[in-house]
Amino acid sequence: MVREAGPRSGAMAGGVARLAVVDCVLIAVAPGTPHRTEAVLRAAFDAVRDLRMEGQPRR
């Protein structure tokens, strides 16, 4: 039996992998539709803006 180091590291790794796939799709699609891509990214940013943790710097 393998023990996970930390809180559900396997689940966290899966989440990171899903984000990597989303990044790859964005990189493939964005150059062909720059104005639409910017609008969608801005809408996504606005949707999660209030969820930012206190004290976390903006990247």
C-alpha atoms as a PDB file:
ATOM      1  CA  MET A   1       0.000   0.000   0.000  1.00  0.00           C
ATOM      2  CA  VAL A   2       1.341   3.429  -0.958  1.00  0.00           C
ATOM      3  CA  ARG A   3       0.801   6.268   1.466  1.00  0.00           C
ATOM      4  CA  GLU A   4       0.234   9.734   0.094  1.00  0.00           C
ATOM      5  CA  ALA A   5       2.470  12.501   1.383  1.00  0.00           C
ATOM      6  CA  GLY A   6       0.278  15.401   2.365  1.00  0.00           C
ATOM      7  CA  PRO A   7      -3.388  16.024   1.836  1.00  0.00           C
ATOM      8  CA  ARG A   8      -4.512  14.011  -1.178  1.00  0.00           C
ATOM      9  CA  SER A   9      -1.424  14.581  -3.267  1.00  0.00           C
ATOM     10  CA  GLY A  10      -2.795  12.260  -5.948  1.00  0.00           C
ATOM     11  CA  ALA A  11      -5.901  14.416  -6.330  1.00  0.00           C
ATOM     12  CA  MET A  12      -3.780  17.557  -6.446  1.00  0.00           C
ATOM     13  CA  ALA A  13      -1.588  16.051  -9.160  1.00  0.00           C
ATOM     14  CA  GLY A  14      -4.697  15.221 -11.174  1.00  0.00           C
ATOM     15  CA  GLY A  15      -5.893  18.805 -10.846  1.00  0.00           C
ATOM     16  CA  VAL A  16      -2.549  20.131 -12.039  1.00  0.00           C
ATOM     17  CA  ALA A  17      -2.651  17.748 -15.003  1.00  0.00           C
ATOM     18  CA  ARG A  18      -6.122  18.997 -15.981  1.00  0.00           C
ATOM     19  CA  LEU A  19      -4.912  22.594 -15.826  1.00  0.00           C
ATOM     20  CA  ALA A  20      -1.969  21.689 -18.055  1.00  0.00           C
ATOM     21  CA  VAL A  21      -4.380  20.282 -20.649  1.00  0.00           C
ATOM     22  CA  VAL A  22      -6.459  23.473 -20.510  1.00  0.00           C
ATOM     23  CA  ASP A  23      -3.276  25.529 -20.987  1.00  0.00           C
ATOM     24  CA  CYS A  24      -2.312  23.459 -24.042  1.00  0.00           C
ATOM     25  CA  VAL A  25      -5.752  23.918 -25.596  1.00  0.00           C
ATOM     26  CA  LEU A  26      -5.609  27.658 -24.937  1.00  0.00           C
ATOM     27  CA  ILE A  27      -2.168  27.919 -26.524  1.00  0.00           C
ATOM     28  CA  ALA A  28      -3.429  26.047 -29.588  1.00  0.00           C
ATOM     29  CA  VAL A  29      -6.638  28.091 -30.012  1.00  0.00           C
ATOM     30  CA  ALA A  30      -5.632  31.596 -28.890  1.00  0.00           C
ATOM     31  CA  PRO A  31      -3.480  32.645 -31.879  1.00  0.00           C
ATOM     32  CA  GLY A  32      -6.382  32.150 -34.289  1.00  0.00           C
ATOM     33  CA  THR A  33      -8.913  34.126 -32.255  1.00  0.00           C
ATOM     34  CA  PRO A  34      -7.014  36.795 -30.282  1.00  0.00           C
ATOM     35  CA  HIS A  35      -9.936  39.188 -29.634  1.00  0.00           C
ATOM     36  CA  ARG A  36     -12.318  36.458 -28.567  1.00  0.00           C
ATOM     37  CA  THR A  37      -9.621  34.806 -26.440  1.00  0.00           C
ATOM     38  CA  GLU A  38      -8.967  38.081 -24.634  1.00  0.00           C
ATOM     39  CA  ALA A  39     -12.685  38.553 -23.953  1.00  0.00           C
ATOM     40  CA  VAL A  40     -13.080  35.013 -22.597  1.00  0.00           C
ATOM     41  CA  LEU A  41      -9.986  35.284 -20.388  1.00  0.00           C
ATOM     42  CA  ARG A  42     -11.180  38.638 -19.031  1.00  0.00           C
ATOM     43  CA  ALA A  43     -14.615  37.165 -18.245  1.00  0.00           C
ATOM     44  CA  ALA A  44     -13.006  34.202 -16.470  1.00  0.00           C
ATOM     45  CA  PHE A  45     -10.746  36.512 -14.462  1.00  0.00           C
ATOM     46  CA  ASP A  46     -13.711  38.694 -13.471  1.00  0.00           C
ATOM     47  CA  ALA A  47     -15.694  35.608 -12.408  1.00  0.00           C
ATOM     48  CA  VAL A  48     -13.039  34.485  -9.917  1.00  0.00           C
ATOM     49  CA  ARG A  49     -11.699  37.878  -8.821  1.00  0.00           C
ATOM     50  CA  ASP A  50     -13.643  37.827  -5.537  1.00  0.00           C
ATOM     51  CA  LEU A  51     -12.366  34.330  -4.705  1.00  0.00           C
ATOM     52  CA  ARG A  52      -8.730  35.473  -4.390  1.00  0.00           C
ATOM     53  CA  MET A  53      -7.271  34.663  -0.972  1.00  0.00           C
ATOM     54  CA  GLU A  54      -6.388  37.617   1.220  1.00  0.00           C
ATOM     55  CA  GLY A  55      -2.721  38.568   1.128  1.00  0.00           C
ATOM     56  CA  GLN A  56      -1.969  36.696  -2.091  1.00  0.00           C
ATOM     57  CA  PRO A  57      -0.084  38.818  -4.619  1.00  0.00           C
ATOM     58  CA  ARG A  58      -1.486  39.289  -8.094  1.00  0.00           C
ATOM     59  CA  ARG A  59       0.612  37.479 -10.666  1.00  0.00           C
END
